[in-house]
């Protein structure tokens, strides 16, 4: 199993604003330059799934395995013989909103999917999380 976590703190955004940003899956392309589109039918809630089409890559189905409005969501992408989880938490603190994203890959071919997909996502987190907070603060 492989994991990588990144945390930022911002006084410019709330957990509810971050939730609004992420739960509006159909508009992710407006703030994420790395995707062509994302599409969800129904609500951003546990048990539902959405399609994400990264630029230069195949579309993937992502399941929401946990969703607590304004606080946390966990997504799951299934690959052949591996699973990738993204855990996104939003915690209000006296210093501001603490946003943490943890990427985890497990399974017999986890090493392969870590190299092909997860490391690129994890390495982009420092820049992307700041951009997400900036975009969410104007919602």
N, C-alpha and C. Protein backbone atom coordinates (compact mmCIF):
# COMPACT_ATOMS: atom_id res chain seq x y z
N UNK A 1 0.84 -1.18 0.00
CA UNK A 1 0.00 0.00 0.00
C UNK A 1 0.89 1.24 0.00
N UNK A 2 0.43 2.26 -0.72
CA UNK A 2 1.15 3.53 -0.82
C UNK A 2 0.19 4.65 -0.45
N UNK A 3 0.67 5.63 0.33
CA UNK A 3 -0.14 6.80 0.66
C UNK A 3 0.72 8.06 0.58
N UNK A 4 0.05 9.16 0.27
CA UNK A 4 0.70 10.46 0.31
C UNK A 4 -0.35 11.48 0.70
N UNK A 5 0.02 12.36 1.64
CA UNK A 5 -0.91 13.34 2.19
C UNK A 5 -0.35 14.74 2.03
N UNK A 6 -1.26 15.68 1.76
CA UNK A 6 -0.87 17.09 1.73
C UNK A 6 -1.95 17.90 2.45
N UNK A 7 -1.52 18.89 3.24
CA UNK A 7 -2.43 19.75 4.01
C UNK A 7 -2.09 21.20 3.77
N UNK A 8 -3.12 22.02 3.63
CA UNK A 8 -2.95 23.47 3.62
C UNK A 8 -3.96 24.07 4.59
N UNK A 9 -3.72 25.30 5.02
CA UNK A 9 -4.64 26.03 5.88
C UNK A 9 -4.91 27.38 5.23
N UNK A 10 -6.18 27.76 5.18
CA UNK A 10 -6.56 29.04 4.57
C UNK A 10 -7.61 29.73 5.40
N UNK A 11 -7.44 31.03 5.59
CA UNK A 11 -8.45 31.85 6.26
C UNK A 11 -9.46 32.42 5.26
N UNK A 12 -9.24 32.15 3.98
CA UNK A 12 -10.05 32.76 2.93
C UNK A 12 -11.23 31.92 2.47
N UNK A 13 -11.39 30.72 3.03
CA UNK A 13 -12.43 29.82 2.53
C UNK A 13 -13.00 29.01 3.70
N UNK A 14 -14.25 28.58 3.55
CA UNK A 14 -14.90 27.75 4.58
C UNK A 14 -15.09 26.32 4.06
N UNK A 15 -15.40 25.43 4.96
CA UNK A 15 -15.71 24.06 4.57
C UNK A 15 -16.91 23.99 3.65
N UNK A 16 -17.89 24.84 3.90
CA UNK A 16 -19.08 24.86 3.05
C UNK A 16 -18.74 25.33 1.63
N UNK A 17 -17.84 26.30 1.51
CA UNK A 17 -17.44 26.75 0.18
C UNK A 17 -16.67 25.65 -0.56
N UNK A 18 -15.81 24.93 0.16
CA UNK A 18 -15.08 23.83 -0.47
C UNK A 18 -16.05 22.72 -0.88
N UNK A 19 -17.04 22.46 -0.04
CA UNK A 19 -18.04 21.44 -0.37
C UNK A 19 -18.81 21.85 -1.62
N UNK A 20 -19.17 23.13 -1.70
CA UNK A 20 -19.89 23.62 -2.88
C UNK A 20 -19.04 23.42 -4.14
N UNK A 21 -17.75 23.71 -4.03
CA UNK A 21 -16.83 23.53 -5.16
C UNK A 21 -16.81 22.07 -5.62
N UNK A 22 -16.57 21.16 -4.69
CA UNK A 22 -16.43 19.75 -5.06
C UNK A 22 -17.76 19.10 -5.43
N UNK A 23 -18.84 19.48 -4.78
CA UNK A 23 -20.12 18.81 -5.05
C UNK A 23 -20.71 19.22 -6.40
N UNK A 24 -20.18 20.28 -7.00
CA UNK A 24 -20.62 20.71 -8.33
C UNK A 24 -19.71 20.05 -9.39
N UNK A 25 -19.77 18.73 -9.44
CA UNK A 25 -18.87 17.93 -10.28
C UNK A 25 -18.91 18.36 -11.74
N UNK A 26 -20.09 18.67 -12.25
CA UNK A 26 -20.22 19.01 -13.67
C UNK A 26 -19.46 20.28 -14.07
N UNK A 27 -19.02 21.05 -13.08
CA UNK A 27 -18.26 22.28 -13.38
C UNK A 27 -16.80 22.20 -12.95
N UNK A 28 -16.30 21.02 -12.63
CA UNK A 28 -14.89 20.88 -12.23
C UNK A 28 -13.94 21.40 -13.30
N UNK A 29 -14.31 21.26 -14.57
CA UNK A 29 -13.43 21.72 -15.65
C UNK A 29 -13.13 23.21 -15.57
N UNK A 30 -13.96 23.98 -14.86
CA UNK A 30 -13.74 25.42 -14.74
C UNK A 30 -12.55 25.75 -13.84
N UNK A 31 -12.25 24.88 -12.90
CA UNK A 31 -11.15 25.16 -11.98
C UNK A 31 -10.02 24.13 -12.04
N UNK A 32 -10.22 23.03 -12.76
CA UNK A 32 -9.17 22.00 -12.86
C UNK A 32 -8.72 21.90 -14.32
N UNK A 33 -7.56 22.47 -14.61
CA UNK A 33 -7.04 22.48 -15.97
C UNK A 33 -6.64 21.10 -16.46
N UNK A 34 -6.56 20.12 -15.57
CA UNK A 34 -6.11 18.79 -15.95
C UNK A 34 -7.20 17.87 -16.45
N UNK A 35 -8.44 18.35 -16.46
CA UNK A 35 -9.53 17.48 -16.91
C UNK A 35 -10.27 18.11 -18.09
N UNK A 36 -10.78 17.23 -18.95
CA UNK A 36 -11.65 17.68 -20.04
C UNK A 36 -13.06 17.92 -19.50
N UNK A 37 -13.54 16.96 -18.71
CA UNK A 37 -14.85 17.10 -18.11
C UNK A 37 -15.01 16.12 -16.95
N UNK A 38 -16.01 16.42 -16.14
CA UNK A 38 -16.47 15.51 -15.10
C UNK A 38 -17.99 15.60 -15.11
N UNK A 39 -18.64 14.47 -14.86
CA UNK A 39 -20.09 14.43 -14.99
C UNK A 39 -20.69 13.52 -13.92
N UNK A 40 -21.71 14.03 -13.25
CA UNK A 40 -22.43 13.25 -12.25
C UNK A 40 -23.93 13.37 -12.51
N UNK A 41 -24.63 12.27 -12.34
CA UNK A 41 -26.09 12.27 -12.35
C UNK A 41 -26.52 12.10 -10.90
N UNK A 42 -27.33 13.00 -10.43
CA UNK A 42 -27.77 12.91 -9.04
C UNK A 42 -26.88 13.71 -8.12
N UNK A 43 -26.99 13.39 -6.83
CA UNK A 43 -26.32 14.16 -5.80
C UNK A 43 -24.89 13.67 -5.53
N UNK A 44 -24.10 14.56 -4.98
CA UNK A 44 -22.74 14.25 -4.53
C UNK A 44 -22.88 13.65 -3.14
N UNK A 45 -23.14 12.33 -3.13
CA UNK A 45 -23.40 11.65 -1.86
C UNK A 45 -22.88 10.22 -1.91
N UNK A 46 -22.69 9.66 -0.72
CA UNK A 46 -22.19 8.30 -0.61
C UNK A 46 -23.06 7.35 -1.43
N UNK A 47 -22.39 6.47 -2.19
CA UNK A 47 -23.09 5.51 -3.01
C UNK A 47 -23.26 5.93 -4.46
N UNK A 48 -23.11 7.21 -4.73
CA UNK A 48 -23.21 7.68 -6.11
C UNK A 48 -21.83 7.64 -6.75
N UNK A 49 -21.77 7.81 -8.05
CA UNK A 49 -20.49 7.83 -8.75
C UNK A 49 -20.55 8.88 -9.85
N UNK A 50 -19.36 9.22 -10.37
CA UNK A 50 -19.28 10.18 -11.45
C UNK A 50 -18.19 9.74 -12.42
N UNK A 51 -18.22 10.35 -13.60
CA UNK A 51 -17.24 10.07 -14.64
C UNK A 51 -16.29 11.27 -14.72
N UNK A 52 -15.01 10.99 -14.79
CA UNK A 52 -13.99 12.02 -14.95
C UNK A 52 -13.14 11.67 -16.15
N UNK A 53 -12.93 12.66 -17.03
CA UNK A 53 -12.10 12.46 -18.23
C UNK A 53 -10.89 13.38 -18.11
N UNK A 54 -9.73 12.83 -17.71
CA UNK A 54 -8.53 13.66 -17.64
C UNK A 54 -8.03 13.98 -19.05
N UNK A 55 -7.39 15.13 -19.19
CA UNK A 55 -6.79 15.48 -20.48
C UNK A 55 -5.71 14.46 -20.81
N UNK A 56 -5.77 13.90 -22.01
CA UNK A 56 -4.78 12.93 -22.44
C UNK A 56 -4.95 11.54 -21.86
N UNK A 57 -6.06 11.29 -21.18
CA UNK A 57 -6.26 9.97 -20.58
C UNK A 57 -7.67 9.46 -20.81
N UNK A 58 -7.91 8.20 -20.46
CA UNK A 58 -9.24 7.63 -20.63
C UNK A 58 -10.18 8.09 -19.52
N UNK A 59 -11.47 8.09 -19.81
CA UNK A 59 -12.42 8.45 -18.77
C UNK A 59 -12.46 7.33 -17.73
N UNK A 60 -12.70 7.73 -16.47
CA UNK A 60 -12.74 6.78 -15.37
C UNK A 60 -14.00 7.01 -14.54
N UNK A 61 -14.49 5.94 -13.97
CA UNK A 61 -15.63 6.02 -13.07
C UNK A 61 -15.08 6.13 -11.65
N UNK A 62 -15.57 7.10 -10.90
CA UNK A 62 -15.13 7.32 -9.53
C UNK A 62 -16.35 7.21 -8.62
N UNK A 63 -16.22 6.38 -7.60
CA UNK A 63 -17.32 6.16 -6.65
C UNK A 63 -17.12 7.02 -5.41
N UNK A 64 -18.20 7.51 -4.87
CA UNK A 64 -18.17 8.21 -3.59
C UNK A 64 -18.47 7.20 -2.49
N UNK A 65 -17.45 6.84 -1.72
CA UNK A 65 -17.64 5.82 -0.68
C UNK A 65 -17.95 6.43 0.67
N UNK A 66 -17.74 7.74 0.80
CA UNK A 66 -18.12 8.46 2.02
C UNK A 66 -18.33 9.91 1.64
N UNK A 67 -19.34 10.54 2.23
CA UNK A 67 -19.60 11.96 1.97
C UNK A 67 -20.31 12.57 3.17
N UNK A 68 -19.65 13.54 3.81
CA UNK A 68 -20.21 14.27 4.94
C UNK A 68 -20.15 15.75 4.56
N UNK A 69 -21.29 16.31 4.24
CA UNK A 69 -21.36 17.67 3.69
C UNK A 69 -20.55 18.67 4.52
N UNK A 70 -19.69 19.41 3.82
CA UNK A 70 -18.89 20.44 4.44
C UNK A 70 -17.69 19.96 5.23
N UNK A 71 -17.54 18.64 5.36
CA UNK A 71 -16.48 18.11 6.23
C UNK A 71 -15.53 17.14 5.53
N UNK A 72 -16.07 16.20 4.73
CA UNK A 72 -15.20 15.13 4.22
C UNK A 72 -15.88 14.38 3.08
N UNK A 73 -15.06 13.94 2.13
CA UNK A 73 -15.53 12.93 1.18
C UNK A 73 -14.36 12.04 0.80
N UNK A 74 -14.72 10.80 0.48
CA UNK A 74 -13.73 9.80 0.06
C UNK A 74 -14.19 9.25 -1.27
N UNK A 75 -13.29 9.31 -2.26
CA UNK A 75 -13.61 8.75 -3.57
C UNK A 75 -12.75 7.54 -3.85
N UNK A 76 -13.27 6.66 -4.69
CA UNK A 76 -12.61 5.39 -5.03
C UNK A 76 -12.60 5.22 -6.54
N UNK A 77 -11.39 5.00 -7.06
CA UNK A 77 -11.23 4.65 -8.47
C UNK A 77 -10.69 3.23 -8.53
N UNK A 78 -11.37 2.39 -9.28
CA UNK A 78 -10.94 0.99 -9.41
C UNK A 78 -10.14 0.81 -10.69
N UNK A 79 -8.96 0.20 -10.54
CA UNK A 79 -8.10 -0.16 -11.66
C UNK A 79 -7.96 -1.68 -11.66
N UNK A 80 -7.51 -2.28 -12.74
CA UNK A 80 -7.28 -3.72 -12.70
C UNK A 80 -6.31 -4.08 -11.57
N UNK A 81 -6.78 -4.89 -10.64
CA UNK A 81 -6.02 -5.39 -9.50
C UNK A 81 -5.47 -4.29 -8.58
N UNK A 82 -6.16 -3.16 -8.52
CA UNK A 82 -5.77 -2.09 -7.60
C UNK A 82 -6.95 -1.14 -7.38
N UNK A 83 -6.89 -0.43 -6.25
CA UNK A 83 -7.87 0.60 -5.93
C UNK A 83 -7.12 1.86 -5.50
N UNK A 84 -7.64 3.00 -5.91
CA UNK A 84 -7.08 4.28 -5.49
C UNK A 84 -8.15 5.06 -4.75
N UNK A 85 -7.83 5.47 -3.54
CA UNK A 85 -8.74 6.26 -2.72
C UNK A 85 -8.21 7.69 -2.61
N UNK A 86 -9.11 8.64 -2.67
CA UNK A 86 -8.79 10.03 -2.37
C UNK A 86 -9.65 10.47 -1.20
N UNK A 87 -9.00 10.82 -0.09
CA UNK A 87 -9.73 11.28 1.10
C UNK A 87 -9.50 12.78 1.22
N UNK A 88 -10.59 13.53 1.27
CA UNK A 88 -10.54 14.99 1.30
C UNK A 88 -11.28 15.46 2.55
N UNK A 89 -10.56 16.13 3.47
CA UNK A 89 -11.19 16.59 4.70
C UNK A 89 -11.07 18.10 4.82
N UNK A 90 -12.07 18.70 5.47
CA UNK A 90 -12.14 20.14 5.69
C UNK A 90 -12.45 20.36 7.17
N UNK A 91 -11.49 20.94 7.89
CA UNK A 91 -11.63 21.11 9.33
C UNK A 91 -11.45 22.58 9.70
N UNK A 92 -12.49 23.16 10.29
CA UNK A 92 -12.43 24.55 10.73
C UNK A 92 -11.54 24.62 11.98
N UNK A 93 -10.52 25.48 11.95
CA UNK A 93 -9.62 25.67 13.09
C UNK A 93 -9.49 27.16 13.36
N UNK A 94 -8.87 27.52 14.47
CA UNK A 94 -8.66 28.94 14.78
C UNK A 94 -7.70 29.59 13.79
N UNK A 95 -6.86 28.79 13.13
CA UNK A 95 -5.93 29.31 12.12
C UNK A 95 -6.57 29.45 10.74
N UNK A 96 -7.74 28.86 10.56
CA UNK A 96 -8.41 28.85 9.26
C UNK A 96 -8.87 27.45 8.92
N UNK A 97 -9.30 27.26 7.70
CA UNK A 97 -9.77 25.95 7.27
C UNK A 97 -8.57 25.06 6.94
N UNK A 98 -8.49 23.94 7.62
CA UNK A 98 -7.43 22.96 7.35
C UNK A 98 -7.99 21.96 6.34
N UNK A 99 -7.37 21.94 5.15
CA UNK A 99 -7.79 21.04 4.08
C UNK A 99 -6.70 20.01 3.89
N UNK A 100 -7.10 18.76 3.96
CA UNK A 100 -6.14 17.65 3.82
C UNK A 100 -6.64 16.71 2.75
N UNK A 101 -5.74 16.34 1.86
CA UNK A 101 -6.03 15.33 0.84
C UNK A 101 -5.01 14.21 0.99
N UNK A 102 -5.52 12.99 1.08
CA UNK A 102 -4.66 11.80 1.16
C UNK A 102 -5.00 10.89 0.00
N UNK A 103 -3.99 10.54 -0.76
CA UNK A 103 -4.13 9.57 -1.84
C UNK A 103 -3.58 8.24 -1.35
N UNK A 104 -4.34 7.17 -1.61
CA UNK A 104 -3.91 5.84 -1.19
C UNK A 104 -4.15 4.87 -2.34
N UNK A 105 -3.16 4.02 -2.61
CA UNK A 105 -3.30 2.99 -3.64
C UNK A 105 -2.98 1.66 -2.98
N UNK A 106 -3.86 0.66 -3.24
CA UNK A 106 -3.64 -0.67 -2.68
C UNK A 106 -4.03 -1.72 -3.70
N UNK A 107 -3.55 -2.93 -3.49
CA UNK A 107 -3.86 -4.04 -4.38
C UNK A 107 -2.61 -4.61 -5.01
N UNK A 108 -2.72 -5.81 -5.60
CA UNK A 108 -1.57 -6.49 -6.19
C UNK A 108 -0.82 -5.68 -7.25
N UNK A 109 -1.55 -4.87 -8.04
CA UNK A 109 -0.89 -4.03 -9.04
C UNK A 109 -0.86 -2.56 -8.60
N UNK A 110 -0.96 -2.34 -7.30
CA UNK A 110 -0.92 -0.98 -6.78
C UNK A 110 0.34 -0.23 -7.17
N UNK A 111 1.48 -0.93 -7.18
CA UNK A 111 2.75 -0.30 -7.55
C UNK A 111 2.68 0.29 -8.96
N UNK A 112 1.99 -0.40 -9.85
CA UNK A 112 1.88 0.06 -11.23
C UNK A 112 0.99 1.30 -11.32
N UNK A 113 -0.17 1.25 -10.69
CA UNK A 113 -1.11 2.37 -10.75
C UNK A 113 -0.60 3.57 -9.96
N UNK A 114 0.22 3.32 -8.95
CA UNK A 114 0.90 4.42 -8.25
C UNK A 114 1.75 5.19 -9.25
N UNK A 115 2.54 4.46 -10.03
CA UNK A 115 3.43 5.11 -11.01
C UNK A 115 2.65 5.76 -12.15
N UNK A 116 1.61 5.07 -12.66
CA UNK A 116 0.87 5.57 -13.82
C UNK A 116 -0.06 6.74 -13.50
N UNK A 117 -0.64 6.75 -12.28
CA UNK A 117 -1.69 7.72 -11.98
C UNK A 117 -1.46 8.49 -10.67
N UNK A 118 -1.33 7.77 -9.58
CA UNK A 118 -1.40 8.38 -8.25
C UNK A 118 -0.27 9.36 -7.95
N UNK A 119 0.95 9.04 -8.36
CA UNK A 119 2.06 9.94 -8.06
C UNK A 119 1.88 11.30 -8.73
N UNK A 120 1.37 11.32 -9.94
CA UNK A 120 1.13 12.59 -10.64
C UNK A 120 0.09 13.41 -9.89
N UNK A 121 -0.97 12.75 -9.46
CA UNK A 121 -2.01 13.45 -8.69
C UNK A 121 -1.42 13.99 -7.39
N UNK A 122 -0.73 13.14 -6.65
CA UNK A 122 -0.16 13.55 -5.36
C UNK A 122 0.85 14.67 -5.51
N UNK A 123 1.68 14.61 -6.53
CA UNK A 123 2.69 15.65 -6.74
C UNK A 123 2.08 17.00 -7.11
N UNK A 124 0.88 16.97 -7.67
CA UNK A 124 0.19 18.21 -8.02
C UNK A 124 -0.63 18.82 -6.90
N UNK A 125 -0.79 18.09 -5.80
CA UNK A 125 -1.65 18.56 -4.71
C UNK A 125 -1.25 19.92 -4.14
N UNK A 126 0.02 20.20 -3.87
CA UNK A 126 0.34 21.51 -3.28
C UNK A 126 -0.18 22.69 -4.11
N UNK A 127 -0.02 22.63 -5.40
CA UNK A 127 -0.50 23.70 -6.27
C UNK A 127 -2.00 23.66 -6.44
N UNK A 128 -2.54 22.47 -6.67
CA UNK A 128 -3.97 22.35 -6.93
C UNK A 128 -4.84 22.71 -5.73
N UNK A 129 -4.40 22.35 -4.53
CA UNK A 129 -5.21 22.65 -3.35
C UNK A 129 -5.29 24.16 -3.10
N UNK A 130 -4.21 24.88 -3.34
CA UNK A 130 -4.24 26.34 -3.21
C UNK A 130 -5.19 26.94 -4.25
N UNK A 131 -5.13 26.44 -5.48
CA UNK A 131 -6.02 26.93 -6.54
C UNK A 131 -7.48 26.60 -6.21
N UNK A 132 -7.73 25.41 -5.67
CA UNK A 132 -9.10 25.04 -5.30
C UNK A 132 -9.65 26.00 -4.24
N UNK A 133 -8.85 26.28 -3.23
CA UNK A 133 -9.29 27.19 -2.15
C UNK A 133 -9.55 28.59 -2.71
N UNK A 134 -8.68 29.04 -3.58
CA UNK A 134 -8.84 30.37 -4.18
C UNK A 134 -10.15 30.44 -4.97
N UNK A 135 -10.41 29.41 -5.79
CA UNK A 135 -11.62 29.39 -6.61
C UNK A 135 -12.86 29.29 -5.71
N UNK A 136 -12.80 28.42 -4.70
CA UNK A 136 -13.96 28.22 -3.81
C UNK A 136 -14.27 29.48 -3.03
N UNK A 137 -13.27 30.30 -2.72
CA UNK A 137 -13.50 31.50 -1.89
C UNK A 137 -14.37 32.54 -2.59
N UNK A 138 -14.52 32.44 -3.91
CA UNK A 138 -15.36 33.39 -4.64
C UNK A 138 -16.74 32.83 -4.94
N UNK A 139 -17.01 31.62 -4.49
CA UNK A 139 -18.33 31.02 -4.75
C UNK A 139 -19.37 31.56 -3.79
